[in-house]
Amino acid sequence: MSKVYVGTYRKYNEGSLKGDWLDLADYADKDAFLEACTELHSDEDDPELMFQDWEDIPTRFIGESHIDEKTWDWLELSEDEREIVAIYMDEVDQDAPVETALECYEGEHDSEEDWARDFWDHTGMVNQLPEFAQNYIDYEQFARDCRLGGDITFVEKGRKVRAFRRN
């Protein structure tokens, strides 16, 4: 459950942590969330909101004084998709839209070479070669060239390799 503890700078500066936890799933978007935050602190004329703590929200989407629109895209993802997006944003492009991270994902593989073998099979390129030549494909070198050329980013996670193609 993604939630945020919302206080205000005024209350904080006066020595109070008065606020409340708000579950982001209860709000359709950033505007609805900010409206609820303002209502929560209706005892102030123009509350300067302070996000004092949060759970299950990547730090790239939230800070003490801001929350990113992308947070609601994040909330719609499954746990597996969240992991994929987090890896992509940490290792490939921190500013990418959530959709881009998912579109660029090439799957989890045992090795870079395993990715290359899957790539040749799924694109049908291996079938364009005569059968005798198919055994001469250097999948390891192909993966290396893709990595060095910037076409693919490989990220090791445990004993597996996650592959992301260039956007």
C-alpha atoms as a PDB file:
ATOM      1  CA  MET A   1       0.000   0.000   0.000  1.00  0.00           C
ATOM      2  CA  SER A   2       1.498   3.334  -1.093  1.00  0.00           C
ATOM      3  CA  LYS A   3       0.841   6.049   1.416  1.00  0.00           C
ATOM      4  CA  VAL A   4       2.170   9.434   2.483  1.00  0.00           C
ATOM      5  CA  TYR A   5       2.242  11.191   5.859  1.00  0.00           C
ATOM      6  CA  VAL A   6       1.177  14.764   5.119  1.00  0.00           C
ATOM      7  CA  GLY A   7       1.923  17.638   7.462  1.00  0.00           C
ATOM      8  CA  THR A   8       2.743  21.285   6.803  1.00  0.00           C
ATOM      9  CA  TYR A   9       5.875  23.343   7.173  1.00  0.00           C
ATOM     10  CA  ARG A  10       4.095  25.792   9.471  1.00  0.00           C
ATOM     11  CA  LYS A  11       3.070  23.081  11.919  1.00  0.00           C
ATOM     12  CA  TYR A  12       6.532  21.525  11.739  1.00  0.00           C
ATOM     13  CA  ASN A  13       8.227  24.869  12.420  1.00  0.00           C
ATOM     14  CA  GLU A  14       5.910  25.353  15.400  1.00  0.00           C
ATOM     15  CA  GLY A  15       7.044  21.990  16.781  1.00  0.00           C
ATOM     16  CA  SER A  16       4.037  19.931  15.685  1.00  0.00           C
ATOM     17  CA  LEU A  17       3.993  16.839  13.503  1.00  0.00           C
ATOM     18  CA  LYS A  18       0.204  16.998  13.220  1.00  0.00           C
ATOM     19  CA  GLY A  19      -0.896  15.437   9.980  1.00  0.00           C
ATOM     20  CA  ASP A  20      -2.188  12.112   8.735  1.00  0.00           C
ATOM     21  CA  TRP A  21      -1.364   9.157   6.507  1.00  0.00           C
ATOM     22  CA  LEU A  22      -3.127   9.283   3.138  1.00  0.00           C
ATOM     23  CA  ASP A  23      -3.413   6.186   0.951  1.00  0.00           C
ATOM     24  CA  LEU A  24      -2.619   7.196  -2.629  1.00  0.00           C
ATOM     25  CA  ALA A  25      -4.926   4.513  -4.021  1.00  0.00           C
ATOM     26  CA  ASP A  26      -7.827   6.619  -2.739  1.00  0.00           C
ATOM     27  CA  TYR A  27      -7.044   9.401  -5.232  1.00  0.00           C
ATOM     28  CA  ALA A  28      -7.396   9.314  -9.010  1.00  0.00           C
ATOM     29  CA  ASP A  29      -4.471  11.647  -9.640  1.00  0.00           C
ATOM     30  CA  LYS A  30      -2.095  14.196  -8.187  1.00  0.00           C
ATOM     31  CA  ASP A  31      -4.681  16.992  -8.186  1.00  0.00           C
ATOM     32  CA  ALA A  32      -7.187  14.930  -6.187  1.00  0.00           C
ATOM     33  CA  PHE A  33      -4.451  13.970  -3.730  1.00  0.00           C
ATOM     34  CA  LEU A  34      -3.308  17.587  -3.249  1.00  0.00           C
ATOM     35  CA  GLU A  35      -6.909  18.675  -2.755  1.00  0.00           C
ATOM     36  CA  ALA A  36      -7.297  16.093   0.024  1.00  0.00           C
ATOM     37  CA  CYS A  37      -4.029  17.276   1.574  1.00  0.00           C
ATOM     38  CA  THR A  38      -5.286  20.869   1.572  1.00  0.00           C
ATOM     39  CA  GLU A  39      -8.580  19.764   3.145  1.00  0.00           C
ATOM     40  CA  LEU A  40      -6.653  17.845   5.807  1.00  0.00           C
ATOM     41  CA  HIS A  41      -4.933  21.089   6.766  1.00  0.00           C
ATOM     42  CA  SER A  42      -7.919  23.397   6.328  1.00  0.00           C
ATOM     43  CA  ASP A  43      -7.006  25.047   9.636  1.00  0.00           C
ATOM     44  CA  GLU A  44      -4.347  26.973   7.659  1.00  0.00           C
ATOM     45  CA  ASP A  45      -5.187  29.612   5.032  1.00  0.00           C
ATOM     46  CA  ASP A  46      -2.661  28.449   2.441  1.00  0.00           C
ATOM     47  CA  PRO A  47      -0.987  25.312   3.788  1.00  0.00           C
ATOM     48  CA  GLU A  48       2.527  24.647   2.556  1.00  0.00           C
ATOM     49  CA  LEU A  49       2.386  20.870   2.406  1.00  0.00           C
ATOM     50  CA  MET A  50       5.182  18.750   3.800  1.00  0.00           C
ATOM     51  CA  PHE A  51       5.447  15.065   2.906  1.00  0.00           C
ATOM     52  CA  GLN A  52       7.158  13.854   6.061  1.00  0.00           C
ATOM     53  CA  ASP A  53       7.201  10.122   5.362  1.00  0.00           C
ATOM     54  CA  TRP A  54       6.060   7.660   2.703  1.00  0.00           C
ATOM     55  CA  GLU A  55       5.806   3.960   2.105  1.00  0.00           C
ATOM     56  CA  ASP A  56       6.023   1.923  -1.115  1.00  0.00           C
ATOM     57  CA  ILE A  57       6.827   4.931  -3.319  1.00  0.00           C
ATOM     58  CA  PRO A  58      10.205   5.253  -5.043  1.00  0.00           C
ATOM     59  CA  THR A  59      12.135   8.289  -3.873  1.00  0.00           C
ATOM     60  CA  ARG A  60      12.386   9.488  -7.476  1.00  0.00           C
ATOM     61  CA  PHE A  61       8.622  10.158  -7.392  1.00  0.00           C
ATOM     62  CA  ILE A  62       8.360  11.980  -4.068  1.00  0.00           C
ATOM     63  CA  GLY A  63      10.256  14.344  -1.817  1.00  0.00           C
ATOM     64  CA  GLU A  64       9.564  16.458   1.212  1.00  0.00           C
ATOM     65  CA  SER A  65       7.848  19.160  -0.838  1.00  0.00           C
ATOM     66  CA  HIS A  66       6.780  17.479  -4.085  1.00  0.00           C
ATOM     67  CA  ILE A  67       5.085  14.440  -5.540  1.00  0.00           C
ATOM     68  CA  ASP A  68       5.423  13.495  -9.202  1.00  0.00           C
ATOM     69  CA  GLU A  69       2.507  12.798 -11.548  1.00  0.00           C
ATOM     70  CA  LYS A  70       4.288   9.524 -12.488  1.00  0.00           C
ATOM     71  CA  THR A  71       3.428   8.204  -9.028  1.00  0.00           C
ATOM     72  CA  TRP A  72      -0.089   7.331 -10.193  1.00  0.00           C
ATOM     73  CA  ASP A  73       1.296   5.451 -13.204  1.00  0.00           C
ATOM     74  CA  TRP A  74       3.490   3.556 -10.732  1.00  0.00           C
ATOM     75  CA  LEU A  75       0.478   2.661  -8.586  1.00  0.00           C
ATOM     76  CA  GLU A  76      -1.248   0.941 -11.509  1.00  0.00           C
ATOM     77  CA  LEU A  77       1.634  -1.510 -12.006  1.00  0.00           C
ATOM     78  CA  SER A  78       1.885  -5.067 -10.736  1.00  0.00           C
ATOM     79  CA  GLU A  79       4.730  -5.937  -8.361  1.00  0.00           C
ATOM     80  CA  ASP A  80       6.727  -7.464 -11.246  1.00  0.00           C
ATOM     81  CA  GLU A  81       6.214  -4.377 -13.394  1.00  0.00           C
ATOM     82  CA  ARG A  82       7.294  -2.126 -10.517  1.00  0.00           C
ATOM     83  CA  GLU A  83      10.527  -4.078 -10.232  1.00  0.00           C
ATOM     84  CA  ILE A  84      11.165  -3.767 -13.979  1.00  0.00           C
ATOM     85  CA  VAL A  85      10.474  -0.024 -13.960  1.00  0.00           C
ATOM     86  CA  ALA A  86      12.652   0.531 -10.892  1.00  0.00           C
ATOM     87  CA  ILE A  87      15.588  -1.308 -12.497  1.00  0.00           C
ATOM     88  CA  TYR A  88      15.149   0.625 -15.747  1.00  0.00           C
ATOM     89  CA  MET A  89      15.019   3.978 -13.979  1.00  0.00           C
ATOM     90  CA  ASP A  90      18.003   3.121 -11.766  1.00  0.00           C
ATOM     91  CA  GLU A  91      20.206   1.672 -14.495  1.00  0.00           C
ATOM     92  CA  VAL A  92      19.083   3.040 -17.868  1.00  0.00           C
ATOM     93  CA  ASP A  93      17.090   6.295 -17.775  1.00  0.00           C
ATOM     94  CA  GLN A  94      15.880   7.844 -14.552  1.00  0.00           C
ATOM     95  CA  ASP A  95      13.660  10.348 -16.366  1.00  0.00           C
ATOM     96  CA  ALA A  96      11.853   7.863 -18.608  1.00  0.00           C
ATOM     97  CA  PRO A  97       8.090   7.507 -18.487  1.00  0.00           C
ATOM     98  CA  VAL A  98       6.859   4.307 -16.859  1.00  0.00           C
ATOM     99  CA  GLU A  99       5.508   3.090 -20.214  1.00  0.00           C
ATOM    100  CA  THR A 100       8.926   3.417 -21.844  1.00  0.00           C
ATOM    101  CA  ALA A 101      10.560   1.267 -19.192  1.00  0.00           C
ATOM    102  CA  LEU A 102       8.021  -1.498 -19.806  1.00  0.00           C
ATOM    103  CA  GLU A 103       8.227  -1.210 -23.604  1.00  0.00           C
ATOM    104  CA  CYS A 104      12.044  -1.467 -23.572  1.00  0.00           C
ATOM    105  CA  TYR A 105      12.124  -4.544 -21.360  1.00  0.00           C
ATOM    106  CA  GLU A 106      13.539  -7.575 -23.183  1.00  0.00           C
ATOM    107  CA  GLY A 107      13.043 -10.064 -20.372  1.00  0.00           C
ATOM    108  CA  GLU A 108      15.035 -11.967 -17.803  1.00  0.00           C
ATOM    109  CA  HIS A 109      17.728 -14.357 -19.029  1.00  0.00           C
ATOM    110  CA  ASP A 110      20.385 -16.672 -17.639  1.00  0.00           C
ATOM    111  CA  SER A 111      23.126 -14.676 -19.400  1.00  0.00           C
ATOM    112  CA  GLU A 112      23.748 -12.070 -22.076  1.00  0.00           C
ATOM    113  CA  GLU A 113      24.413 -14.927 -24.476  1.00  0.00           C
ATOM    114  CA  ASP A 114      21.048 -16.451 -23.557  1.00  0.00           C
ATOM    115  CA  TRP A 115      19.390 -13.121 -24.410  1.00  0.00           C
ATOM    116  CA  ALA A 116      21.129 -13.119 -27.808  1.00  0.00           C
ATOM    117  CA  ARG A 117      19.966 -16.666 -28.539  1.00  0.00           C
ATOM    118  CA  ASP A 118      16.364 -15.706 -27.639  1.00  0.00           C
ATOM    119  CA  PHE A 119      16.645 -12.557 -29.755  1.00  0.00           C
ATOM    120  CA  TRP A 120      17.741 -14.488 -32.839  1.00  0.00           C
ATOM    121  CA  ASP A 121      14.970 -17.064 -32.297  1.00  0.00           C
ATOM    122  CA  HIS A 122      12.153 -14.566 -31.640  1.00  0.00           C
ATOM    123  CA  THR A 123      13.030 -12.265 -34.526  1.00  0.00           C
ATOM    124  CA  GLY A 124      13.269 -15.200 -36.920  1.00  0.00           C
ATOM    125  CA  MET A 125      16.759 -14.192 -38.012  1.00  0.00           C
ATOM    126  CA  VAL A 126      18.149 -17.629 -37.213  1.00  0.00           C
ATOM    127  CA  ASN A 127      15.689 -19.183 -39.672  1.00  0.00           C
ATOM    128  CA  GLN A 128      16.961 -16.941 -42.472  1.00  0.00           C
ATOM    129  CA  LEU A 129      20.277 -18.798 -42.402  1.00  0.00           C
ATOM    130  CA  PRO A 130      20.813 -22.213 -43.946  1.00  0.00           C
ATOM    131  CA  GLU A 131      20.562 -24.913 -41.304  1.00  0.00           C
ATOM    132  CA  PHE A 132      24.275 -25.756 -41.445  1.00  0.00           C
ATOM    133  CA  ALA A 133      25.190 -22.093 -40.735  1.00  0.00           C
ATOM    134  CA  GLN A 134      22.941 -21.745 -37.707  1.00  0.00           C
ATOM    135  CA  ASN A 135      25.517 -23.511 -35.523  1.00  0.00           C
ATOM    136  CA  TYR A 136      28.132 -20.869 -36.325  1.00  0.00           C
ATOM    137  CA  ILE A 137      26.349 -17.890 -34.794  1.00  0.00           C
ATOM    138  CA  ASP A 138      28.482 -16.370 -32.048  1.00  0.00           C
ATOM    139  CA  TYR A 139      25.720 -15.364 -29.622  1.00  0.00           C
ATOM    140  CA  GLU A 140      28.191 -14.200 -26.988  1.00  0.00           C
ATOM    141  CA  GLN A 141      29.852 -11.799 -29.441  1.00  0.00           C
ATOM    142  CA  PHE A 142      26.481 -10.603 -30.739  1.00  0.00           C
ATOM    143  CA  ALA A 143      25.355  -9.743 -27.171  1.00  0.00           C
ATOM    144  CA  ARG A 144      28.668  -8.011 -26.496  1.00  0.00           C
ATOM    145  CA  ASP A 145      28.322  -5.911 -29.666  1.00  0.00           C
ATOM    146  CA  CYS A 146      24.747  -4.947 -28.738  1.00  0.00           C
ATOM    147  CA  ARG A 147      25.890  -3.925 -25.253  1.00  0.00           C
ATOM    148  CA  LEU A 148      28.928  -1.962 -26.438  1.00  0.00           C
ATOM    149  CA  GLY A 149      26.919  -0.333 -29.224  1.00  0.00           C
ATOM    150  CA  GLY A 150      24.380   0.909 -26.703  1.00  0.00           C
ATOM    151  CA  ASP A 151      21.512  -1.024 -28.260  1.00  0.00           C
ATOM    152  CA  ILE A 152      20.949  -3.145 -25.144  1.00  0.00           C
ATOM    153  CA  THR A 153      21.610  -2.551 -21.460  1.00  0.00           C
ATOM    154  CA  PHE A 154      22.103  -5.670 -19.380  1.00  0.00           C
ATOM    155  CA  VAL A 155      21.503  -5.462 -15.647  1.00  0.00           C
ATOM    156  CA  GLU A 156      22.544  -8.336 -13.413  1.00  0.00           C
ATOM    157  CA  LYS A 157      20.062  -9.160 -10.663  1.00  0.00           C
ATOM    158  CA  GLY A 158      21.077 -12.166  -8.650  1.00  0.00           C
ATOM    159  CA  ARG A 159      21.851 -15.019 -11.021  1.00  0.00           C
ATOM    160  CA  LYS A 160      19.800 -13.522 -13.834  1.00  0.00           C
ATOM    161  CA  VAL A 161      20.327 -10.790 -16.398  1.00  0.00           C
ATOM    162  CA  ARG A 162      17.613  -8.285 -17.239  1.00  0.00           C
ATOM    163  CA  ALA A 163      17.812  -6.828 -20.740  1.00  0.00           C
ATOM    164  CA  PHE A 164      16.526  -3.433 -21.872  1.00  0.00           C
ATOM    165  CA  ARG A 165      16.736  -2.190 -25.455  1.00  0.00           C
ATOM    166  CA  ARG A 166      17.537   1.414 -26.262  1.00  0.00           C
ATOM    167  CA  ASN A 167      14.469   3.577 -26.595  1.00  0.00           C
END
